[in-house]
Protein backbone atom coordinates (compact mmCIF):
# COMPACT_ATOMS: atom_id res chain seq x y z
CA MET A 1 -4.17 22.03 -2.68
CA ASP A 2 -7.71 20.81 -3.43
CA GLN A 3 -10.43 23.07 -2.03
CA HIS A 4 -11.94 20.32 0.15
CA THR A 5 -8.64 19.78 2.00
CA ALA A 6 -8.77 21.30 5.48
CA ILE A 7 -5.61 23.08 6.51
CA THR A 8 -5.38 20.83 9.57
CA ASP A 9 -5.02 17.67 7.47
CA TRP A 10 -1.49 16.30 7.27
CA VAL A 11 0.50 13.20 6.35
CA ARG A 12 3.88 12.30 7.82
CA ARG A 13 6.08 9.66 6.21
CA ALA A 14 8.53 7.75 8.39
CA PRO A 15 12.18 7.62 7.27
CA GLN A 16 12.44 4.94 4.60
CA SER A 17 15.40 2.65 3.99
CA SER A 18 13.53 -0.50 2.93
CA PRO A 19 10.58 -1.50 0.72
CA LEU A 20 8.18 -0.67 3.56
CA GLU A 21 6.27 2.61 3.55
CA ARG A 22 5.06 3.81 6.96
CA ILE A 23 2.87 6.85 7.54
CA GLU A 24 1.06 8.72 10.29
CA ALA A 25 -1.79 11.00 9.20
CA PHE A 26 -4.62 13.16 10.47
CA PHE A 27 -7.84 14.00 8.60
CA SER A 28 -10.49 16.37 9.94
CA GLY A 29 -13.17 15.21 7.51
CA HIS A 30 -12.88 13.73 4.04
CA GLY A 31 -9.65 11.79 3.68
CA PHE A 32 -9.51 10.19 0.26
CA ASP A 33 -11.74 8.99 -2.55
CA PRO A 34 -12.29 5.29 -3.40
CA HIS A 35 -8.99 3.77 -4.52
CA ARG A 36 -6.91 0.60 -4.16
CA HIS A 37 -3.31 -0.32 -3.44
CA ASP A 38 -1.42 -3.39 -4.61
CA THR A 39 -0.02 -3.75 -1.09
CA TYR A 40 -1.45 -4.81 2.24
CA ALA A 41 -2.43 -1.70 4.23
CA ILE A 42 -2.09 -2.59 7.91
CA GLY A 43 -2.40 -0.10 10.72
CA CYS A 44 -4.20 1.29 13.73
CA THR A 45 -6.44 4.23 14.54
CA LEU A 46 -4.77 6.37 17.20
CA SER A 47 -7.68 8.71 17.94
CA GLY A 48 -11.18 9.43 16.69
CA VAL A 49 -13.29 7.26 14.40
CA GLN A 50 -11.80 6.18 11.05
CA SER A 51 -14.69 5.33 8.71
CA PHE A 52 -14.32 3.66 5.33
CA LYS A 53 -16.21 1.58 2.79
CA TYR A 54 -14.67 -1.85 2.23
CA ARG A 55 -16.05 -4.88 0.35
CA GLY A 56 -19.55 -3.46 0.17
CA SER A 57 -19.93 -2.38 3.81
CA GLN A 58 -19.25 0.71 5.90
CA ARG A 59 -16.55 0.09 8.53
CA HIS A 60 -15.60 2.11 11.60
CA SER A 61 -12.16 1.71 13.15
CA LEU A 62 -11.55 2.79 16.75
CA PRO A 63 -8.36 2.79 18.82
CA GLY A 64 -7.50 -0.74 19.92
CA GLY A 65 -8.21 -2.64 16.71
CA THR A 66 -5.99 -3.38 13.71
CA LEU A 67 -6.84 -2.36 10.15
CA VAL A 68 -6.06 -5.01 7.52
CA LEU A 69 -6.89 -4.03 3.94
CA HIS A 70 -6.08 -6.71 1.38
CA PRO A 71 -4.21 -5.81 -1.84
CA ASP A 72 -6.38 -4.48 -4.67
CA GLU A 73 -9.50 -4.01 -2.52
CA VAL A 74 -11.26 -0.69 -3.15
CA HIS A 75 -11.70 1.54 -0.08
CA ASP A 76 -12.11 5.19 0.84
CA GLY A 77 -11.58 7.12 4.08
CA GLN A 78 -13.19 9.85 6.14
CA ALA A 79 -13.68 10.96 9.73
CA GLY A 80 -16.61 9.32 11.52
CA THR A 81 -17.04 12.31 13.87
CA ARG A 82 -16.32 16.04 13.85
CA ASP A 83 -13.16 15.43 15.88
CA GLY A 84 -11.36 13.90 12.90
CA PHE A 85 -9.10 10.87 13.18
CA LYS A 86 -5.40 10.08 13.41
CA TYR A 87 -3.88 6.79 12.36
CA ARG A 88 -0.70 4.95 11.48
CA MET A 89 -0.33 2.59 8.54
CA VAL A 90 2.34 0.37 7.06
CA TYR A 91 2.10 -0.71 3.43
CA VAL A 92 3.54 -4.20 2.93
CA GLN A 93 4.25 -5.56 -0.52
CA PRO A 94 2.85 -9.08 -1.05
CA SER A 95 6.31 -10.18 -2.23
CA LEU A 96 7.56 -9.60 1.34
CA ILE A 97 4.80 -11.80 2.71
CA GLN A 98 5.64 -14.43 0.09
CA SER A 99 9.28 -14.45 1.13
CA ALA A 100 8.17 -15.53 4.61
CA LEU A 101 5.47 -17.98 3.46
CA GLY A 102 7.50 -19.53 0.65
CA GLY A 103 4.88 -19.21 -2.08
CA GLN A 104 1.26 -19.61 -0.93
CA PRO A 105 -2.04 -17.94 -1.78
CA LEU A 106 -2.03 -14.57 -0.05
CA PRO A 107 -3.66 -14.61 3.41
CA PHE A 108 -7.01 -12.83 3.58
CA VAL A 109 -8.38 -11.48 6.87
CA PRO A 110 -12.11 -10.79 6.48
CA GLY A 111 -13.80 -7.58 7.52
CA GLY A 112 -11.01 -5.04 7.21
CA ILE A 113 -10.69 -4.68 11.00
CA SER A 114 -9.30 -7.28 13.40
CA HIS A 115 -9.44 -7.32 17.19
CA ASP A 116 -7.18 -10.35 17.52
CA PRO A 117 -4.37 -9.54 19.99
CA ARG A 118 -1.91 -11.67 17.99
CA LEU A 119 -2.19 -9.31 15.03
CA ARG A 120 -1.90 -6.27 17.26
CA ARG A 121 1.35 -7.63 18.71
CA ALA A 122 2.65 -8.58 15.25
CA THR A 123 2.24 -5.02 13.95
CA GLU A 124 3.61 -3.12 16.95
CA ALA A 125 7.24 -3.21 15.83
CA LEU A 126 6.32 -1.82 12.41
CA LEU A 127 4.01 0.94 13.67
CA ARG A 128 6.13 2.45 16.43
CA GLY A 129 9.21 4.66 16.15
CA MET A 130 7.91 6.79 13.29
CA ASP A 131 10.84 9.19 13.70
CA ASN A 132 13.49 6.54 13.08
CA VAL A 133 14.54 4.05 10.43
CA LEU A 134 13.72 0.52 11.52
CA ASP A 135 16.61 -1.72 12.47
CA PRO A 136 16.97 -4.19 9.54
CA LEU A 137 16.90 -7.34 11.66
CA GLU A 138 13.98 -6.02 13.73
CA GLU A 139 12.09 -5.32 10.52
CA GLU A 140 12.76 -8.79 9.09
CA ASP A 141 11.66 -10.45 12.32
CA ALA A 142 8.50 -8.33 12.39
CA LEU A 143 7.68 -9.16 8.76
CA PHE A 144 8.07 -12.87 9.43
CA ASP A 145 5.80 -12.66 12.49
CA LEU A 146 3.27 -10.59 10.53
CA ALA A 147 3.18 -13.06 7.62
CA GLN A 148 2.68 -16.02 9.94
CA THR A 149 -0.03 -14.22 11.91
CA LEU A 150 -1.91 -13.17 8.78
CA ASN A 151 -1.75 -16.76 7.57
CA ALA A 152 -3.08 -18.04 10.89
CA LEU A 153 -5.95 -15.51 10.88
CA SER A 154 -6.95 -15.90 7.23
CA GLY A 155 -10.46 -17.06 6.46
CA SER A 156 -11.78 -20.48 5.48
CA PRO A 157 -9.25 -22.83 3.88
CA ARG A 158 -8.98 -22.58 0.10
CA GLN A 159 -8.86 -25.50 -2.23
CA PRO A 160 -5.23 -26.12 -3.21
CA ARG A 161 -4.33 -25.53 -6.83
CA SER A 162 -1.12 -25.66 -8.78
CA PHE A 163 0.96 -22.55 -9.35
CA ASP A 164 4.54 -21.66 -10.22
CA TYR A 165 5.93 -19.26 -7.64
CA GLN A 166 9.41 -19.08 -9.18
CA ALA A 167 8.02 -18.13 -12.60
CA ALA A 168 5.83 -15.41 -11.09
CA GLU A 169 8.79 -14.08 -9.11
CA ARG A 170 10.93 -13.94 -12.28
CA ALA A 171 8.17 -11.93 -13.96
CA ARG A 172 7.95 -9.58 -10.97
CA GLU A 173 11.70 -8.96 -10.98
CA TYR A 174 11.62 -8.32 -14.74
CA ILE A 175 8.93 -5.66 -14.29
CA HIS A 176 11.24 -3.77 -11.92
CA SER A 177 13.88 -3.66 -14.66
CA ALA A 178 11.47 -2.16 -17.22
CA LEU A 179 9.61 0.69 -15.51
CA ASP A 180 10.49 3.19 -18.24
CA ARG A 181 9.09 1.27 -21.21
CA THR A 182 6.14 -0.76 -22.46
CA VAL A 183 5.98 -4.36 -21.21
CA THR A 184 3.74 -7.02 -22.74
CA LEU A 185 2.35 -10.17 -21.16
CA ASP A 186 4.03 -12.20 -23.91
CA GLU A 187 7.34 -10.65 -22.91
CA LEU A 188 6.78 -11.57 -19.28
CA ALA A 189 5.77 -15.09 -20.25
CA GLU A 190 8.93 -15.57 -22.30
CA HIS A 191 11.13 -14.28 -19.50
CA SER A 192 9.41 -16.31 -16.78
CA GLY A 193 9.11 -19.61 -18.66
CA ARG A 194 5.36 -19.82 -17.94
CA ASP A 195 2.56 -19.45 -20.50
CA ARG A 196 0.89 -16.05 -20.45
CA TRP A 197 -2.51 -16.95 -18.97
CA ASN A 198 -1.21 -19.23 -16.24
CA LEU A 199 1.38 -16.59 -15.41
CA SER A 200 -1.32 -13.93 -15.16
CA ARG A 201 -3.41 -16.15 -12.87
CA ASP A 202 -0.43 -17.09 -10.67
CA PHE A 203 0.71 -13.46 -10.40
CA ARG A 204 -2.69 -12.38 -9.10
CA MET A 205 -2.88 -15.20 -6.58
CA LEU A 206 0.66 -14.75 -5.25
CA PHE A 207 1.09 -10.96 -5.39
CA GLY A 208 -2.49 -9.74 -5.05
CA THR A 209 -2.80 -7.85 -8.32
CA SER A 210 -2.30 -8.17 -12.07
CA PRO A 211 1.08 -7.70 -13.79
CA TYR A 212 -0.10 -4.44 -15.37
CA ARG A 213 -1.36 -3.03 -12.07
CA TYR A 214 1.91 -4.02 -10.41
CA LEU A 215 3.88 -2.17 -13.11
CA SER A 216 1.67 0.91 -12.76
CA MET A 217 2.10 0.95 -8.98
CA ARG A 218 5.87 0.74 -9.16
CA ARG A 219 5.84 3.66 -11.58
CA LEU A 220 3.69 5.67 -9.17
CA ASP A 221 6.03 4.81 -6.31
CA LEU A 222 8.82 6.33 -8.38
CA VAL A 223 6.68 9.42 -9.08
CA ARG A 224 6.12 10.02 -5.35
CA SER A 225 9.82 9.67 -4.65
CA LEU A 226 10.64 12.17 -7.39
CA LEU A 227 8.03 14.68 -6.20
CA VAL A 228 9.45 14.61 -2.68
CA GLN A 229 12.87 15.31 -4.19
CA GLY A 230 11.47 18.45 -5.81
CA ARG A 231 10.89 17.30 -9.38
CA SER A 232 7.94 18.79 -11.24
CA LEU A 233 4.84 16.75 -12.09
CA ALA A 234 5.79 16.71 -15.77
CA GLU A 235 9.37 15.58 -15.07
CA ALA A 236 8.27 12.86 -12.65
CA ALA A 237 5.71 11.52 -15.11
CA LEU A 238 8.20 11.19 -17.96
CA ILE A 239 11.00 9.70 -15.84
CA ALA A 240 8.58 7.09 -14.45
CA GLY A 241 7.48 5.94 -17.89
CA PHE A 242 4.06 7.60 -18.20
CA THR A 243 2.93 9.00 -21.54
CA ASP A 244 2.52 12.50 -20.11
CA GLN A 245 1.57 14.39 -16.95
CA SER A 246 -2.19 13.97 -17.41
CA HIS A 247 -1.81 10.21 -17.80
CA MET A 248 0.16 10.03 -14.57
CA THR A 249 -2.29 12.32 -12.72
CA ARG A 250 -5.26 10.14 -13.68
CA GLN A 251 -3.47 7.00 -12.51
CA PHE A 252 -2.34 8.69 -9.30
CA GLY A 253 -5.88 9.72 -8.38
CA LYS A 254 -7.32 6.28 -9.10
CA THR A 255 -4.61 4.62 -7.02
CA PHE A 256 -4.31 6.90 -3.98
CA GLY A 257 -7.67 8.69 -3.92
CA GLN A 258 -5.91 12.07 -4.04
CA SER A 259 -4.35 14.25 -6.69
CA PRO A 260 -0.53 14.40 -6.78
CA GLY A 261 -0.69 18.04 -5.72
CA ARG A 262 -2.85 17.36 -2.67
CA TRP A 263 -0.70 14.37 -1.66
CA LEU A 264 2.48 16.47 -1.80
CA ASN A 265 0.96 19.55 -0.14
CA MET A 266 -0.28 17.55 2.85
CA GLN A 267 3.20 16.19 3.54
CA GLN A 268 4.76 19.62 3.12
CA LEU A 269 2.15 21.05 5.50
CA HIS A 270 3.16 18.57 8.20
CA ASN A 271 6.84 19.38 7.67
CA ARG A 272 6.13 23.11 8.03
CA THR A 273 4.00 22.77 11.17
CA SER A 274 5.68 19.85 12.95
CA GLY A 275 7.85 22.18 14.96
CA ARG A 276 4.73 23.71 16.51
CA ARG A 277 3.16 20.39 17.53
């Protein structure tokens, strides 16, 4: 575990049976370094003050509001007071939002924190019941409501422009089939039927990140799954298509703001101490 990790810090992952990742966590001080996800990070502060830098400003989340971090936006995290902070978060892939919106520019909610009661209600089904797997139909209903609410709360209207959602979706599906090998933009263009630069532009607009970043994130998702199963860092890196362990570790830190070892130790700490809570 990294030296700056307090022994009271922990992360708890909800049972997962779908593409959604849900967590509850507590940090007594420093949480994580600047990093970015290729998912929406939507959640709520349960106690304390959750402070973070987002789009050039310092933000402070208190109980009652809703955190909405857009895909690929750099942010960090730390406690705003000595009491630490506890929060819940759900990470929603832009492809799930697209399935509800039918292919539109991703909704953007300014500021990183919303106090709109519609968004609070739309996230409640996804943020409760952390001990249980979500009912599939409940989850699908909640995702639809969330997508529509994000769309309604998004900022000023954007100028419409042409894009090919089906081509971008074909490229996204192809990436999932090729996590263990090198993928080129030309290869994606050929598979999708869209020229490489328009495909790259459309992918960013529809899924919130570049094709390469999307591939890297899916590989890191696989790494985390393998580490939880007990695989070593070296094994997980090779299975997930990274050149070696150091390559994976660098990417992991840039993406999650924590080393793989710290990430795994914090979850194991919660599992060991949960019976005493």
